[in-house]
């Protein structure tokens, strides 16, 4: 069995990679993938603590989080397709539609 510390360390590394992708990258698709990496880090925490305590509620929350992540990805990609159709770019620095 994998120790809990290793699983939590992997989750922290995934979270750091996702946070780096959100803060540094300007491409909307890469930012969306970074958000998905952060969600996967949270799911890994749910599953790790569920296995550690022997309770299945963490796995149920993980399944719910996977469903929400799929919906978020579908909506995000639809928004980016519309933005690409209007602005011909997915660079977040060049899209200023939400600014005053």
PDB file of N, CA and C in Angstrom:
ATOM      1  N   UNK A   1       0.833  -1.175   0.000  1.00  0.00           N
ATOM      2  CA  UNK A   1       0.000   0.000   0.000  1.00  0.00           C
ATOM      3  C   UNK A   1       0.885   1.249   0.000  1.00  0.00           C
ATOM      4  N   UNK A   2       0.492   2.230  -0.774  1.00  0.00           N
ATOM      5  CA  UNK A   2       1.252   3.469  -0.883  1.00  0.00           C
ATOM      6  C   UNK A   2       1.008   4.311   0.365  1.00  0.00           C
ATOM      7  N   UNK A   3       2.061   4.845   0.965  1.00  0.00           N
ATOM      8  CA  UNK A   3       1.865   5.674   2.160  1.00  0.00           C
ATOM      9  C   UNK A   3       1.091   6.954   1.845  1.00  0.00           C
ATOM     10  N   UNK A   4       0.356   7.423   2.834  1.00  0.00           N
ATOM     11  CA  UNK A   4      -0.466   8.615   2.667  1.00  0.00           C
ATOM     12  C   UNK A   4       0.391   9.840   2.349  1.00  0.00           C
ATOM     13  N   UNK A   5       1.577   9.905   2.916  1.00  0.00           N
ATOM     14  CA  UNK A   5       2.444  11.061   2.688  1.00  0.00           C
ATOM     15  C   UNK A   5       2.848  11.185   1.224  1.00  0.00           C
ATOM     16  N   UNK A   6       3.074  10.062   0.559  1.00  0.00           N
ATOM     17  CA  UNK A   6       3.445  10.093  -0.858  1.00  0.00           C
ATOM     18  C   UNK A   6       2.280  10.599  -1.705  1.00  0.00           C
ATOM     19  N   UNK A   7       1.088  10.130  -1.378  1.00  0.00           N
ATOM     20  CA  UNK A   7      -0.080  10.567  -2.137  1.00  0.00           C
ATOM     21  C   UNK A   7      -0.339  12.049  -1.938  1.00  0.00           C
ATOM     22  N   UNK A   8      -0.185  12.525  -0.704  1.00  0.00           N
ATOM     23  CA  UNK A   8      -0.377  13.949  -0.444  1.00  0.00           C
ATOM     24  C   UNK A   8       0.733  14.782  -1.076  1.00  0.00           C
ATOM     25  N   UNK A   9       1.937  14.255  -1.126  1.00  0.00           N
ATOM     26  CA  UNK A   9       3.035  14.962  -1.799  1.00  0.00           C
ATOM     27  C   UNK A   9       2.765  15.071  -3.299  1.00  0.00           C
ATOM     28  N   UNK A  10       2.299  13.997  -3.903  1.00  0.00           N
ATOM     29  CA  UNK A  10       1.946  14.036  -5.321  1.00  0.00           C
ATOM     30  C   UNK A  10       0.826  15.035  -5.573  1.00  0.00           C
ATOM     31  N   UNK A  11      -0.140  15.056  -4.680  1.00  0.00           N
ATOM     32  CA  UNK A  11      -1.242  16.009  -4.815  1.00  0.00           C
ATOM     33  C   UNK A  11      -0.739  17.444  -4.706  1.00  0.00           C
ATOM     34  N   UNK A  12       0.181  17.704  -3.799  1.00  0.00           N
ATOM     35  CA  UNK A  12       0.742  19.051  -3.658  1.00  0.00           C
ATOM     36  C   UNK A  12       1.538  19.446  -4.896  1.00  0.00           C
ATOM     37  N   UNK A  13       2.266  18.495  -5.465  1.00  0.00           N
ATOM     38  CA  UNK A  13       3.025  18.777  -6.687  1.00  0.00           C
ATOM     39  C   UNK A  13       2.082  19.086  -7.840  1.00  0.00           C
ATOM     40  N   UNK A  14       1.000  18.305  -7.973  1.00  0.00           N
ATOM     41  CA  UNK A  14       0.010  18.567  -9.016  1.00  0.00           C
ATOM     42  C   UNK A  14      -0.627  19.940  -8.833  1.00  0.00           C
ATOM     43  N   UNK A  15      -0.945  20.289  -7.591  1.00  0.00           N
ATOM     44  CA  UNK A  15      -1.531  21.590  -7.317  1.00  0.00           C
ATOM     45  C   UNK A  15      -0.572  22.710  -7.683  1.00  0.00           C
ATOM     46  N   UNK A  16       0.708  22.539  -7.366  1.00  0.00           N
ATOM     47  CA  UNK A  16       1.700  23.562  -7.686  1.00  0.00           C
ATOM     48  C   UNK A  16       1.872  23.716  -9.198  1.00  0.00           C
ATOM     49  N   UNK A  17       1.855  22.611  -9.927  1.00  0.00           N
ATOM     50  CA  UNK A  17       1.955  22.675 -11.382  1.00  0.00           C
ATOM     51  C   UNK A  17       0.750  23.397 -11.970  1.00  0.00           C
ATOM     52  N   UNK A  18      -0.430  23.090 -11.476  1.00  0.00           N
ATOM     53  CA  UNK A  18      -1.628  23.759 -11.956  1.00  0.00           C
ATOM     54  C   UNK A  18      -1.639  25.239 -11.628  1.00  0.00           C
ATOM     55  N   UNK A  19      -1.207  25.592 -10.437  1.00  0.00           N
ATOM     56  CA  UNK A  19      -1.149  27.000 -10.049  1.00  0.00           C
ATOM     57  C   UNK A  19      -0.134  27.761 -10.896  1.00  0.00           C
ATOM     58  N   UNK A  20       0.995  27.136 -11.168  1.00  0.00           N
ATOM     59  CA  UNK A  20       1.987  27.743 -12.047  1.00  0.00           C
ATOM     60  C   UNK A  20       1.406  27.980 -13.441  1.00  0.00           C
ATOM     61  N   UNK A  21       0.668  27.005 -13.957  1.00  0.00           N
ATOM     62  CA  UNK A  21       0.068  27.152 -15.280  1.00  0.00           C
ATOM     63  C   UNK A  21      -0.955  28.265 -15.334  1.00  0.00           C
ATOM     64  N   UNK A  22      -1.696  28.460 -14.253  1.00  0.00           N
ATOM     65  CA  UNK A  22      -2.695  29.525 -14.232  1.00  0.00           C
ATOM     66  C   UNK A  22      -2.032  30.896 -14.141  1.00  0.00           C
ATOM     67  N   UNK A  23      -0.998  31.005 -13.327  1.00  0.00           N
ATOM     68  CA  UNK A  23      -0.388  32.306 -13.092  1.00  0.00           C
ATOM     69  C   UNK A  23       0.541  32.761 -14.214  1.00  0.00           C
ATOM     70  N   UNK A  24       1.186  31.827 -14.901  1.00  0.00           N
ATOM     71  CA  UNK A  24       2.208  32.195 -15.875  1.00  0.00           C
ATOM     72  C   UNK A  24       1.681  32.193 -17.302  1.00  0.00           C
ATOM     73  N   UNK A  25       0.899  31.211 -17.658  1.00  0.00           N
ATOM     74  CA  UNK A  25       0.478  31.058 -19.053  1.00  0.00           C
ATOM     75  C   UNK A  25      -0.633  32.039 -19.412  1.00  0.00           C
ATOM     76  N   UNK A  26      -0.695  32.422 -20.669  1.00  0.00           N
ATOM     77  CA  UNK A  26      -1.707  33.343 -21.148  1.00  0.00           C
ATOM     78  C   UNK A  26      -2.648  32.689 -22.156  1.00  0.00           C
ATOM     79  N   UNK A  27      -2.376  31.475 -22.558  1.00  0.00           N
ATOM     80  CA  UNK A  27      -3.246  30.769 -23.484  1.00  0.00           C
ATOM     81  C   UNK A  27      -4.429  30.202 -22.700  1.00  0.00           C
ATOM     82  N   UNK A  28      -5.641  30.458 -23.165  1.00  0.00           N
ATOM     83  CA  UNK A  28      -6.836  30.066 -22.431  1.00  0.00           C
ATOM     84  C   UNK A  28      -6.969  28.551 -22.315  1.00  0.00           C
ATOM     85  N   UNK A  29      -6.556  27.823 -23.315  1.00  0.00           N
ATOM     86  CA  UNK A  29      -6.645  26.364 -23.279  1.00  0.00           C
ATOM     87  C   UNK A  29      -5.695  25.803 -22.221  1.00  0.00           C
ATOM     88  N   UNK A  30      -4.502  26.360 -22.134  1.00  0.00           N
ATOM     89  CA  UNK A  30      -3.543  25.895 -21.133  1.00  0.00           C
ATOM     90  C   UNK A  30      -4.014  26.253 -19.730  1.00  0.00           C
ATOM     91  N   UNK A  31      -4.628  27.421 -19.579  1.00  0.00           N
ATOM     92  CA  UNK A  31      -5.185  27.803 -18.278  1.00  0.00           C
ATOM     93  C   UNK A  31      -6.299  26.841 -17.885  1.00  0.00           C
ATOM     94  N   UNK A  32      -7.144  26.453 -18.834  1.00  0.00           N
ATOM     95  CA  UNK A  32      -8.210  25.491 -18.549  1.00  0.00           C
ATOM     96  C   UNK A  32      -7.624  24.133 -18.154  1.00  0.00           C
ATOM     97  N   UNK A  33      -6.566  23.707 -18.823  1.00  0.00           N
ATOM     98  CA  UNK A  33      -5.921  22.444 -18.455  1.00  0.00           C
ATOM     99  C   UNK A  33      -5.286  22.540 -17.071  1.00  0.00           C
ATOM    100  N   UNK A  34      -4.767  23.708 -16.721  1.00  0.00           N
ATOM    101  CA  UNK A  34      -4.186  23.891 -15.391  1.00  0.00           C
ATOM    102  C   UNK A  34      -5.248  23.816 -14.307  1.00  0.00           C
ATOM    103  N   UNK A  35      -6.421  24.349 -14.588  1.00  0.00           N
ATOM    104  CA  UNK A  35      -7.535  24.230 -13.639  1.00  0.00           C
ATOM    105  C   UNK A  35      -7.913  22.766 -13.469  1.00  0.00           C
ATOM    106  N   UNK A  36      -7.898  22.014 -14.558  1.00  0.00           N
ATOM    107  CA  UNK A  36      -8.204  20.588 -14.476  1.00  0.00           C
ATOM    108  C   UNK A  36      -7.149  19.845 -13.639  1.00  0.00           C
ATOM    109  N   UNK A  37      -5.895  20.244 -13.741  1.00  0.00           N
ATOM    110  CA  UNK A  37      -4.845  19.617 -12.929  1.00  0.00           C
ATOM    111  C   UNK A  37      -5.086  19.902 -11.449  1.00  0.00           C
ATOM    112  N   UNK A  38      -5.509  21.125 -11.122  1.00  0.00           N
ATOM    113  CA  UNK A  38      -5.804  21.453  -9.721  1.00  0.00           C
ATOM    114  C   UNK A  38      -6.992  20.642  -9.218  1.00  0.00           C
ATOM    115  N   UNK A  39      -8.001  20.468 -10.051  1.00  0.00           N
ATOM    116  CA  UNK A  39      -9.156  19.653  -9.654  1.00  0.00           C
ATOM    117  C   UNK A  39      -8.726  18.204  -9.445  1.00  0.00           C
ATOM    118  N   UNK A  40      -7.828  17.694 -10.296  1.00  0.00           N
ATOM    119  CA  UNK A  40      -7.332  16.331 -10.127  1.00  0.00           C
ATOM    120  C   UNK A  40      -6.521  16.184  -8.845  1.00  0.00           C
ATOM    121  N   UNK A  41      -5.825  17.236  -8.431  1.00  0.00           N
ATOM    122  CA  UNK A  41      -5.102  17.196  -7.156  1.00  0.00           C
ATOM    123  C   UNK A  41      -6.085  17.068  -5.998  1.00  0.00           C
ATOM    124  N   UNK A  42      -7.191  17.791  -6.070  1.00  0.00           N
ATOM    125  CA  UNK A  42      -8.212  17.685  -5.024  1.00  0.00           C
ATOM    126  C   UNK A  42      -8.858  16.297  -5.023  1.00  0.00           C
ATOM    127  N   UNK A  43      -9.098  15.749  -6.196  1.00  0.00           N
ATOM    128  CA  UNK A  43      -9.681  14.408  -6.290  1.00  0.00           C
ATOM    129  C   UNK A  43      -8.729  13.377  -5.695  1.00  0.00           C
ATOM    130  N   UNK A  44      -7.435  13.536  -5.961  1.00  0.00           N
ATOM    131  CA  UNK A  44      -6.458  12.627  -5.383  1.00  0.00           C
ATOM    132  C   UNK A  44      -6.469  12.702  -3.859  1.00  0.00           C
ATOM    133  N   UNK A  45      -6.648  13.903  -3.300  1.00  0.00           N
ATOM    134  CA  UNK A  45      -6.776  14.028  -1.848  1.00  0.00           C
ATOM    135  C   UNK A  45      -8.000  13.298  -1.328  1.00  0.00           C
ATOM    136  N   UNK A  46      -9.126  13.444  -2.017  1.00  0.00           N
ATOM    137  CA  UNK A  46     -10.344  12.734  -1.605  1.00  0.00           C
ATOM    138  C   UNK A  46     -10.111  11.229  -1.561  1.00  0.00           C
ATOM    139  N   UNK A  47      -9.521  10.700  -2.617  1.00  0.00           N
ATOM    140  CA  UNK A  47      -9.311   9.255  -2.705  1.00  0.00           C
ATOM    141  C   UNK A  47      -8.276   8.788  -1.684  1.00  0.00           C
ATOM    142  N   UNK A  48      -7.229   9.567  -1.474  1.00  0.00           N
ATOM    143  CA  UNK A  48      -6.179   9.181  -0.521  1.00  0.00           C
ATOM    144  C   UNK A  48      -6.729   9.112   0.896  1.00  0.00           C
ATOM    145  N   UNK A  49      -7.473  10.130   1.298  1.00  0.00           N
ATOM    146  CA  UNK A  49      -8.022  10.111   2.649  1.00  0.00           C
ATOM    147  C   UNK A  49      -9.141   9.083   2.794  1.00  0.00           C
ATOM    148  N   UNK A  50      -9.845   8.806   1.705  1.00  0.00           N
ATOM    149  CA  UNK A  50     -10.862   7.761   1.746  1.00  0.00           C
ATOM    150  C   UNK A  50     -10.229   6.397   1.967  1.00  0.00           C
ATOM    151  N   UNK A  51      -9.128   6.133   1.286  1.00  0.00           N
ATOM    152  CA  UNK A  51      -8.435   4.858   1.483  1.00  0.00           C
ATOM    153  C   UNK A  51      -7.781   4.791   2.858  1.00  0.00           C
ATOM    154  N   UNK A  52      -7.299   5.927   3.350  1.00  0.00           N
ATOM    155  CA  UNK A  52      -6.629   5.962   4.651  1.00  0.00           C
ATOM    156  C   UNK A  52      -7.608   5.686   5.790  1.00  0.00           C
ATOM    157  N   UNK A  53      -8.807   6.256   5.702  1.00  0.00           N
ATOM    158  CA  UNK A  53      -9.794   6.073   6.771  1.00  0.00           C
ATOM    159  C   UNK A  53     -10.686   4.856   6.564  1.00  0.00           C
ATOM    160  N   UNK A  54     -10.713   4.318   5.358  1.00  0.00           N
ATOM    161  CA  UNK A  54     -11.560   3.163   5.086  1.00  0.00           C
ATOM    162  C   UNK A  54     -13.013   3.533   4.848  1.00  0.00           C
ATOM    163  N   UNK A  55     -13.279   4.807   4.594  1.00  0.00           N
ATOM    164  CA  UNK A  55     -14.637   5.294   4.348  1.00  0.00           C
ATOM    165  C   UNK A  55     -14.799   5.544   2.853  1.00  0.00           C
ATOM    166  N   UNK A  56     -15.963   5.229   2.310  1.00  0.00           N
ATOM    167  CA  UNK A  56     -16.175   5.378   0.871  1.00  0.00           C
ATOM    168  C   UNK A  56     -16.717   6.751   0.495  1.00  0.00           C
ATOM    169  N   UNK A  57     -16.981   7.608   1.458  1.00  0.00           N
ATOM    170  CA  UNK A  57     -17.557   8.910   1.132  1.00  0.00           C
ATOM    171  C   UNK A  57     -16.582   9.769   0.320  1.00  0.00           C
ATOM    172  N   UNK A  58     -15.291   9.632   0.543  1.00  0.00           N
ATOM    173  CA  UNK A  58     -14.311  10.365  -0.256  1.00  0.00           C
ATOM    174  C   UNK A  58     -14.331   9.945  -1.712  1.00  0.00           C
ATOM    175  N   UNK A  59     -14.574   8.672  -1.963  1.00  0.00           N
ATOM    176  CA  UNK A  59     -14.656   8.199  -3.344  1.00  0.00           C
ATOM    177  C   UNK A  59     -15.929   8.701  -4.023  1.00  0.00           C
ATOM    178  N   UNK A  60     -17.005   8.836  -3.257  1.00  0.00           N
ATOM    179  CA  UNK A  60     -18.242   9.397  -3.811  1.00  0.00           C
ATOM    180  C   UNK A  60     -18.017  10.859  -4.183  1.00  0.00           C
ATOM    181  N   UNK A  61     -17.356  11.613  -3.302  1.00  0.00           N
ATOM    182  CA  UNK A  61     -17.036  12.999  -3.619  1.00  0.00           C
ATOM    183  C   UNK A  61     -16.111  13.086  -4.829  1.00  0.00           C
ATOM    184  N   UNK A  62     -15.206  12.136  -4.969  1.00  0.00           N
ATOM    185  CA  UNK A  62     -14.304  12.125  -6.120  1.00  0.00           C
ATOM    186  C   UNK A  62     -15.086  11.920  -7.414  1.00  0.00           C
ATOM    187  N   UNK A  63     -16.045  11.027  -7.405  1.00  0.00           N
ATOM    188  CA  UNK A  63     -16.879  10.824  -8.596  1.00  0.00           C
ATOM    189  C   UNK A  63     -17.680  12.076  -8.926  1.00  0.00           C
ATOM    190  N   UNK A  64     -18.195  12.737  -7.909  1.00  0.00           N
ATOM    191  CA  UNK A  64     -18.921  13.983  -8.118  1.00  0.00           C
ATOM    192  C   UNK A  64     -17.986  15.052  -8.686  1.00  0.00           C
ATOM    193  N   UNK A  65     -16.774  15.134  -8.178  1.00  0.00           N
ATOM    194  CA  UNK A  65     -15.807  16.115  -8.668  1.00  0.00           C
ATOM    195  C   UNK A  65     -15.408  15.821 -10.112  1.00  0.00           C
ATOM    196  N   UNK A  66     -15.295  14.560 -10.481  1.00  0.00           N
ATOM    197  CA  UNK A  66     -14.980  14.202 -11.863  1.00  0.00           C
ATOM    198  C   UNK A  66     -16.102  14.651 -12.799  1.00  0.00           C
ATOM    199  N   UNK A  67     -17.341  14.452 -12.383  1.00  0.00           N
ATOM    200  CA  UNK A  67     -18.480  14.892 -13.196  1.00  0.00           C
ATOM    201  C   UNK A  67     -18.499  16.415 -13.336  1.00  0.00           C
ATOM    202  N   UNK A  68     -18.225  17.122 -12.251  1.00  0.00           N
ATOM    203  CA  UNK A  68     -18.182  18.585 -12.320  1.00  0.00           C
ATOM    204  C   UNK A  68     -17.025  19.077 -13.173  1.00  0.00           C
ATOM    205  N   UNK A  69     -15.894  18.392 -13.119  1.00  0.00           N
ATOM    206  CA  UNK A  69     -14.746  18.782 -13.937  1.00  0.00           C
ATOM    207  C   UNK A  69     -15.049  18.580 -15.420  1.00  0.00           C
ATOM    208  N   UNK A  70     -15.763  17.528 -15.749  1.00  0.00           N
ATOM    209  CA  UNK A  70     -16.125  17.301 -17.151  1.00  0.00           C
ATOM    210  C   UNK A  70     -17.080  18.391 -17.641  1.00  0.00           C
ATOM    211  N   UNK A  71     -18.031  18.765 -16.804  1.00  0.00           N
ATOM    212  CA  UNK A  71     -18.949  19.841 -17.181  1.00  0.00           C
ATOM    213  C   UNK A  71     -18.211  21.169 -17.312  1.00  0.00           C
ATOM    214  N   UNK A  72     -17.288  21.437 -16.412  1.00  0.00           N
ATOM    215  CA  UNK A  72     -16.507  22.675 -16.466  1.00  0.00           C
ATOM    216  C   UNK A  72     -15.659  22.724 -17.725  1.00  0.00           C
ATOM    217  N   UNK A  73     -15.073  21.613 -18.101  1.00  0.00           N
ATOM    218  CA  UNK A  73     -14.256  21.570 -19.312  1.00  0.00           C
ATOM    219  C   UNK A  73     -15.111  21.799 -20.559  1.00  0.00           C
ATOM    220  N   UNK A  74     -16.289  21.211 -20.603  1.00  0.00           N
ATOM    221  CA  UNK A  74     -17.164  21.379 -21.762  1.00  0.00           C
ATOM    222  C   UNK A  74     -17.626  22.827 -21.895  1.00  0.00           C
ATOM    223  N   UNK A  75     -18.008  23.433 -20.796  1.00  0.00           N
ATOM    224  CA  UNK A  75     -18.461  24.830 -20.837  1.00  0.00           C
ATOM    225  C   UNK A  75     -17.296  25.755 -21.155  1.00  0.00           C
ATOM    226  N   UNK A  76     -16.138  25.497 -20.556  1.00  0.00           N
ATOM    227  CA  UNK A  76     -14.971  26.327 -20.834  1.00  0.00           C
ATOM    228  C   UNK A  76     -14.558  26.264 -22.292  1.00  0.00           C
ATOM    229  N   UNK A  77     -14.546  25.077 -22.863  1.00  0.00           N
ATOM    230  CA  UNK A  77     -14.184  24.955 -24.274  1.00  0.00           C
ATOM    231  C   UNK A  77     -15.207  25.642 -25.179  1.00  0.00           C
ATOM    232  N   UNK A  78     -16.487  25.575 -24.809  1.00  0.00           N
ATOM    233  CA  UNK A  78     -17.513  26.261 -25.595  1.00  0.00           C
ATOM    234  C   UNK A  78     -17.316  27.778 -25.540  1.00  0.00           C
ATOM    235  N   UNK A  79     -17.003  28.300 -24.365  1.00  0.00           N
ATOM    236  CA  UNK A  79     -16.739  29.739 -24.248  1.00  0.00           C
ATOM    237  C   UNK A  79     -15.511  30.125 -25.060  1.00  0.00           C
ATOM    238  N   UNK A  80     -14.468  29.318 -25.022  1.00  0.00           N
ATOM    239  CA  UNK A  80     -13.254  29.642 -25.771  1.00  0.00           C
ATOM    240  C   UNK A  80     -13.482  29.555 -27.275  1.00  0.00           C
ATOM    241  N   UNK A  81     -14.339  28.644 -27.717  1.00  0.00           N
ATOM    242  CA  UNK A  81     -14.661  28.583 -29.141  1.00  0.00           C
ATOM    243  C   UNK A  81     -15.377  29.848 -29.596  1.00  0.00           C
ATOM    244  N   UNK A  82     -16.278  30.356 -28.767  1.00  0.00           N
ATOM    245  CA  UNK A  82     -16.977  31.595 -29.100  1.00  0.00           C
ATOM    246  C   UNK A  82     -16.003  32.768 -29.094  1.00  0.00           C
ATOM    247  N   UNK A  83     -15.132  32.828 -28.097  1.00  0.00           N
ATOM    248  CA  UNK A  83     -14.139  33.901 -28.057  1.00  0.00           C
ATOM    249  C   UNK A  83     -13.197  33.829 -29.245  1.00  0.00           C
ATOM    250  N   UNK A  84     -12.826  32.641 -29.662  1.00  0.00           N
ATOM    251  CA  UNK A  84     -11.972  32.501 -30.832  1.00  0.00           C
ATOM    252  C   UNK A  84     -12.703  32.958 -32.097  1.00  0.00           C
ATOM    253  N   UNK A  85     -13.984  32.660 -32.173  1.00  0.00           N
ATOM    254  CA  UNK A  85     -14.753  33.101 -33.329  1.00  0.00           C
ATOM    255  C   UNK A  85     -14.878  34.614 -33.410  1.00  0.00           C
ATOM    256  N   UNK A  86     -14.943  35.280 -32.262  1.00  0.00           N
ATOM    257  CA  UNK A  86     -15.094  36.733 -32.246  1.00  0.00           C
ATOM    258  C   UNK A  86     -13.749  37.444 -32.377  1.00  0.00           C
ATOM    259  N   UNK A  87     -12.747  37.000 -31.594  1.00  0.00           N
ATOM    260  CA  UNK A  87     -11.475  37.715 -31.521  1.00  0.00           C
ATOM    261  C   UNK A  87     -10.349  37.067 -32.319  1.00  0.00           C
ATOM    262  N   UNK A  88     -10.541  35.859 -32.836  1.00  0.00           N
ATOM    263  CA  UNK A  88      -9.536  35.119 -33.594  1.00  0.00           C
ATOM    264  C   UNK A  88      -8.269  34.854 -32.791  1.00  0.00           C
ATOM    265  N   UNK A  89      -8.401  34.715 -31.481  1.00  0.00           N
ATOM    266  CA  UNK A  89      -7.280  34.364 -30.614  1.00  0.00           C
ATOM    267  C   UNK A  89      -7.826  33.788 -29.313  1.00  0.00           C
ATOM    268  N   UNK A  90      -7.001  32.990 -28.653  1.00  0.00           N
ATOM    269  CA  UNK A  90      -7.353  32.505 -27.310  1.00  0.00           C
ATOM    270  C   UNK A  90      -6.330  32.995 -26.292  1.00  0.00           C
ATOM    271  N   UNK A  91      -5.537  34.017 -26.675  1.00  0.00           N
ATOM    272  CA  UNK A  91      -4.582  34.623 -25.767  1.00  0.00           C
ATOM    273  C   UNK A  91      -5.347  35.525 -24.801  1.00  0.00           C
ATOM    274  N   UNK A  92      -5.222  35.268 -23.518  1.00  0.00           N
ATOM    275  CA  UNK A  92      -6.007  35.991 -22.533  1.00  0.00           C
ATOM    276  C   UNK A  92      -5.585  37.446 -22.392  1.00  0.00           C
ATOM    277  N   UNK A  93      -4.352  37.793 -22.768  1.00  0.00           N
ATOM    278  CA  UNK A  93      -3.929  39.188 -22.717  1.00  0.00           C
ATOM    279  C   UNK A  93      -4.603  40.026 -23.799  1.00  0.00           C
ATOM    280  N   UNK A  94      -4.912  39.417 -24.911  1.00  0.00           N
ATOM    281  CA  UNK A  94      -5.511  40.160 -26.022  1.00  0.00           C
ATOM    282  C   UNK A  94      -7.030  40.216 -25.949  1.00  0.00           C
ATOM    283  N   UNK A  95      -7.623  39.366 -25.143  1.00  0.00           N
ATOM    284  CA  UNK A  95      -9.081  39.373 -24.996  1.00  0.00           C
ATOM    285  C   UNK A  95      -9.423  40.214 -23.784  1.00  0.00           C
ATOM    286  N   UNK A  96     -10.008  41.348 -23.999  1.00  0.00           N
ATOM    287  CA  UNK A  96     -10.342  42.266 -22.916  1.00  0.00           C
ATOM    288  C   UNK A  96     -11.841  42.542 -22.890  1.00  0.00           C
ATOM    289  N   UNK A  97     -12.625  41.545 -23.179  1.00  0.00           N
ATOM    290  CA  UNK A  97     -14.071  41.718 -23.276  1.00  0.00           C
ATOM    291  C   UNK A  97     -14.713  41.974 -21.909  1.00  0.00           C
ATOM    292  N   UNK A  98     -14.090  41.502 -20.835  1.00  0.00           N
ATOM    293  CA  UNK A  98     -14.682  41.645 -19.511  1.00  0.00           C
ATOM    294  C   UNK A  98     -14.157  42.862 -18.767  1.00  0.00           C
ATOM    295  N   UNK A  99     -13.272  43.635 -19.373  1.00  0.00           N
ATOM    296  CA  UNK A  99     -12.722  44.815 -18.715  1.00  0.00           C
ATOM    297  C   UNK A  99     -13.528  46.038 -19.094  1.00  0.00           C
ATOM    298  N   UNK A 100     -13.495  47.036 -18.234  1.00  0.00           N
ATOM    299  CA  UNK A 100     -14.228  48.296 -18.492  1.00  0.00           C
ATOM    300  C   UNK A 100     -13.501  49.115 -19.477  1.00  0.00           C
TER     301      UNK A 100
END
